[in-house]
Amino acid sequence: MTTVKKTQFRTIDLTLAGMFVALMAIGANITSWAPFLQVANVPLSMQPFFAILAGLLLGSRLGALSMTVYMFVGLAGAPVFAEFSGGLGVLIGSTGGFILSYIPTAYIVGKIIESSRKPTTTLFVTASFVGIIMIYLIGTNYMFLSLNLWLNIDMSYGAAWLVMLWFAVKDIIFTAFGAFIAPRIYHATKKVTSSNNKSVA
C-alpha cells in the first residue's frame, strides 16, 4: 500500500505552487495589459492579494515556497516583477521590500489557517488582514530605509506611509474580497486532494 507523507510535496501541490508563481507575475503587471485598471493613477497591483491567497490556500510551507520561487525567478532575470522587470536591481530598489514580504506573509497566513482543523470564515478574515499588515510593515519600512540609506533620496517616515496610503486602500478592499472567497476555494481544494490521497492509498 502506498502512503503519502505530509512532509512531501505531491504533484498537485507543486502544480498549485507553480500556478501562484504565474499569478504573481500576472498580478505585478496587470495594468500593463489593462491600463484602465488604475485609481487616481495608482496601478492596481494584485500581488498582495495573490500572496495572501497563496498562504490561505496552499498553507504555510507551500505558500512560502511559491513566493520564494517567484522571487528567485525574478532575481534570475525573468521579467516577472512590476513593469516586466527582473534582476537584483529590483530587489534593492524602493519596492524590493514588498517582494521580500510576500514570503513570510504567505507563511504566517498559512500558519494561522493551519491552527484550526476546520478554519472558519472569521479565521480566514483574521489571517488575511494579518497578512496585509505584514506586507505593508515590511514593504513600507524597507522603502523608507532604501530611499534614505542607499538610494540617496530624502523622505520622511510619515511621507513614506502617506505615499503608500493610496495603495493600502485598494489592497484592503482586495484583502477583504479574498478573505471571503477563500473558504469556498479552500474546502473545494481539500475535497479534491483528499480524494486523490484515497486513490493512491
Protein backbone atom coordinates (compact mmCIF):
# COMPACT_ATOMS: atom_id res chain seq x y z
CA MET A 1 0.00 0.00 0.00
CA THR A 2 1.36 3.41 -0.99
CA THR A 3 1.04 6.23 1.54
CA VAL A 4 1.54 9.94 1.06
CA LYS A 5 3.56 11.62 3.78
CA LYS A 6 2.51 15.06 4.88
CA THR A 7 6.14 16.19 4.74
CA GLN A 8 6.31 15.51 1.00
CA PHE A 9 5.01 17.75 -1.74
CA ARG A 10 2.73 15.95 -4.16
CA THR A 11 2.40 16.66 -7.85
CA ILE A 12 -0.80 18.62 -7.28
CA ASP A 13 0.93 20.69 -4.57
CA LEU A 14 3.76 21.65 -6.91
CA THR A 15 1.28 22.40 -9.67
CA LEU A 16 -0.64 24.77 -7.39
CA ALA A 17 2.59 26.41 -6.25
CA GLY A 18 3.60 26.93 -9.89
CA MET A 19 0.19 28.42 -10.58
CA PHE A 20 0.71 31.02 -7.85
CA VAL A 21 4.14 31.89 -9.24
CA ALA A 22 2.41 32.65 -12.54
CA LEU A 23 -0.38 34.57 -10.80
CA MET A 24 2.19 36.74 -9.01
CA ALA A 25 3.81 37.60 -12.34
CA ILE A 26 0.42 38.46 -13.82
CA GLY A 27 -0.58 40.43 -10.73
CA ALA A 28 2.58 42.51 -10.93
CA ASN A 29 1.85 43.57 -14.49
CA ILE A 30 -1.93 43.60 -14.73
CA THR A 31 -2.03 47.31 -15.59
CA SER A 32 0.42 46.70 -18.44
CA TRP A 33 -2.27 44.64 -20.13
CA ALA A 34 -5.18 46.70 -18.82
CA PRO A 35 -4.03 50.33 -18.30
CA PHE A 36 -7.53 51.37 -17.30
CA LEU A 37 -7.20 49.41 -14.04
CA GLN A 38 -5.92 52.40 -12.11
CA VAL A 39 -7.40 54.62 -9.43
CA ALA A 40 -6.04 58.17 -9.23
CA ASN A 41 -3.12 56.99 -11.37
CA VAL A 42 -2.32 54.26 -8.83
CA PRO A 43 -1.87 50.88 -10.59
CA LEU A 44 -3.97 48.09 -9.12
CA SER A 45 -1.24 45.52 -8.47
CA MET A 46 -2.68 42.17 -7.47
CA GLN A 47 0.47 40.83 -5.83
CA PRO A 48 -0.56 41.32 -2.17
CA PHE A 49 -3.89 39.65 -3.00
CA PHE A 50 -2.21 36.58 -4.54
CA ALA A 51 0.49 36.36 -1.85
CA ILE A 52 -2.13 36.24 0.89
CA LEU A 53 -4.28 33.84 -1.13
CA ALA A 54 -1.25 31.55 -1.50
CA GLY A 55 -0.97 31.33 2.27
CA LEU A 56 -4.70 30.79 2.71
CA LEU A 57 -4.99 28.03 0.12
CA LEU A 58 -1.58 26.38 -0.03
CA GLY A 59 -0.63 26.53 3.64
CA SER A 60 2.50 27.87 5.30
CA ARG A 61 5.25 25.76 3.71
CA LEU A 62 3.91 25.54 0.18
CA GLY A 63 2.67 29.12 0.17
CA ALA A 64 6.06 30.43 1.27
CA LEU A 65 7.78 28.15 -1.25
CA SER A 66 5.71 29.54 -4.11
CA MET A 67 6.61 33.12 -3.12
CA THR A 68 10.28 32.16 -2.78
CA VAL A 69 10.30 30.60 -6.24
CA TYR A 70 8.63 33.72 -7.64
CA MET A 71 11.32 35.93 -6.10
CA PHE A 72 14.20 33.82 -7.41
CA VAL A 73 12.68 33.59 -10.89
CA GLY A 74 12.65 37.39 -10.93
CA LEU A 75 16.16 37.65 -9.49
CA ALA A 76 17.37 35.33 -12.24
CA GLY A 77 16.27 37.99 -14.73
CA ALA A 78 12.86 36.77 -15.83
CA PRO A 79 10.51 39.76 -16.36
CA VAL A 80 8.06 38.79 -13.61
CA PHE A 81 8.33 41.88 -11.42
CA ALA A 82 6.37 45.11 -11.98
CA GLU A 83 6.71 46.71 -15.43
CA PHE A 84 8.09 43.40 -16.74
CA SER A 85 11.34 43.90 -14.86
CA GLY A 86 13.71 41.42 -13.29
CA GLY A 87 17.13 41.15 -11.71
CA LEU A 88 18.76 42.03 -8.41
CA GLY A 89 18.33 45.76 -9.02
CA VAL A 90 14.60 45.46 -8.41
CA LEU A 91 15.13 43.80 -5.04
CA ILE A 92 17.45 46.52 -3.77
CA GLY A 93 15.15 49.22 -5.12
CA SER A 94 12.48 51.01 -3.14
CA THR A 95 9.83 48.34 -3.76
CA GLY A 96 12.10 45.37 -3.04
CA GLY A 97 10.77 45.07 0.48
CA PHE A 98 7.34 44.18 -0.81
CA ILE A 99 8.77 41.31 -2.86
CA LEU A 100 10.59 40.06 0.25
CA SER A 101 7.48 40.49 2.39
CA TYR A 102 5.43 38.03 0.34
CA ILE A 103 7.44 35.05 1.65
CA PRO A 104 6.91 35.50 5.42
CA THR A 105 3.38 36.75 4.76
CA ALA A 106 2.35 33.58 2.95
CA TYR A 107 3.99 31.52 5.70
CA ILE A 108 2.29 33.30 8.63
CA VAL A 109 -1.09 33.43 6.88
CA GLY A 110 -0.82 29.70 6.23
CA LYS A 111 0.14 29.01 9.83
CA ILE A 112 -2.93 30.85 11.09
CA ILE A 113 -5.20 28.78 8.86
CA GLU A 114 -3.40 25.58 9.87
CA SER A 115 -4.05 26.36 13.53
CA SER A 116 -7.58 25.00 13.06
CA ARG A 117 -8.66 21.70 11.51
CA LYS A 118 -11.82 23.40 10.27
CA PRO A 119 -10.96 27.07 9.72
CA THR A 120 -13.91 29.43 9.84
CA THR A 121 -14.58 32.49 7.73
CA THR A 122 -13.55 34.59 10.74
CA LEU A 123 -10.17 32.86 10.78
CA PHE A 124 -9.72 33.49 7.06
CA VAL A 125 -10.51 37.17 7.57
CA THR A 126 -8.11 37.40 10.52
CA ALA A 127 -5.32 35.66 8.61
CA SER A 128 -5.86 37.86 5.55
CA PHE A 129 -5.63 41.12 7.47
CA VAL A 130 -2.61 39.93 9.44
CA GLY A 131 -1.09 39.28 6.02
CA ILE A 132 -1.78 42.72 4.56
CA ILE A 133 -0.46 44.38 7.73
CA MET A 134 2.75 42.34 7.42
CA ILE A 135 3.19 43.28 3.77
CA TYR A 136 2.86 47.00 4.49
CA LEU A 137 5.00 46.94 7.63
CA ILE A 138 7.87 45.17 5.85
CA GLY A 139 7.44 46.85 2.48
CA THR A 140 6.99 50.44 3.64
CA ASN A 141 9.79 50.31 6.21
CA TYR A 142 12.10 48.80 3.59
CA MET A 143 11.12 51.54 1.15
CA PHE A 144 11.89 54.24 3.73
CA LEU A 145 15.28 52.72 4.55
CA SER A 146 16.26 52.12 0.92
CA LEU A 147 15.38 55.66 -0.15
CA ASN A 148 17.27 57.29 2.69
CA LEU A 149 20.24 54.94 3.14
CA TRP A 150 21.39 53.75 -0.28
CA LEU A 151 19.23 55.41 -2.94
CA ASN A 152 20.10 58.88 -1.57
CA ILE A 153 16.54 60.22 -1.73
CA ASP A 154 15.41 62.13 1.34
CA MET A 155 11.95 61.12 2.51
CA SER A 156 10.44 61.37 5.95
CA TYR A 157 8.94 58.31 7.60
CA GLY A 158 5.49 59.89 7.57
CA ALA A 159 5.79 60.74 3.87
CA ALA A 160 6.67 57.12 3.10
CA TRP A 161 3.45 55.94 4.72
CA LEU A 162 1.48 58.71 3.03
CA VAL A 163 2.72 57.55 -0.37
CA MET A 164 1.52 54.02 0.40
CA LEU A 165 -1.92 55.18 1.55
CA TRP A 166 -3.40 55.07 -1.97
CA PHE A 167 -2.15 51.52 -2.43
CA ALA A 168 -3.36 50.48 1.02
CA VAL A 169 -6.97 51.44 0.26
CA LYS A 170 -7.23 49.17 -2.77
CA ASP A 171 -5.28 46.37 -1.07
CA ILE A 172 -7.64 46.41 1.93
CA ILE A 173 -10.57 46.04 -0.47
CA PHE A 174 -8.89 43.16 -2.31
CA THR A 175 -7.90 41.55 1.01
CA ALA A 176 -11.49 41.60 2.24
CA PHE A 177 -12.68 40.14 -1.05
CA GLY A 178 -10.08 37.37 -0.92
CA ALA A 179 -10.89 36.55 2.69
CA PHE A 180 -14.50 35.83 1.82
CA ILE A 181 -13.93 33.81 -1.36
CA ALA A 182 -11.00 31.81 0.02
CA PRO A 183 -13.02 29.48 2.33
CA ARG A 184 -15.07 28.11 -0.55
CA ILE A 185 -11.96 27.51 -2.69
CA TYR A 186 -10.11 26.07 0.31
CA HIS A 187 -12.77 23.48 1.11
CA ALA A 188 -13.22 22.56 -2.56
CA THR A 189 -9.46 22.06 -2.90
CA LYS A 190 -9.38 19.92 0.24
CA LYS A 191 -12.05 17.65 -1.22
CA VAL A 192 -10.05 17.18 -4.41
CA THR A 193 -6.76 16.50 -2.64
CA SER A 194 -8.34 14.13 -0.12
CA SER A 195 -9.91 12.12 -2.93
CA ASN A 196 -6.52 11.97 -4.66
CA ASN A 197 -4.96 10.70 -1.44
CA LYS A 198 -7.51 7.87 -1.25
CA SER A 199 -6.84 6.90 -4.87
CA VAL A 200 -3.11 6.40 -4.23
CA ALA A 201 -3.56 4.66 -0.87
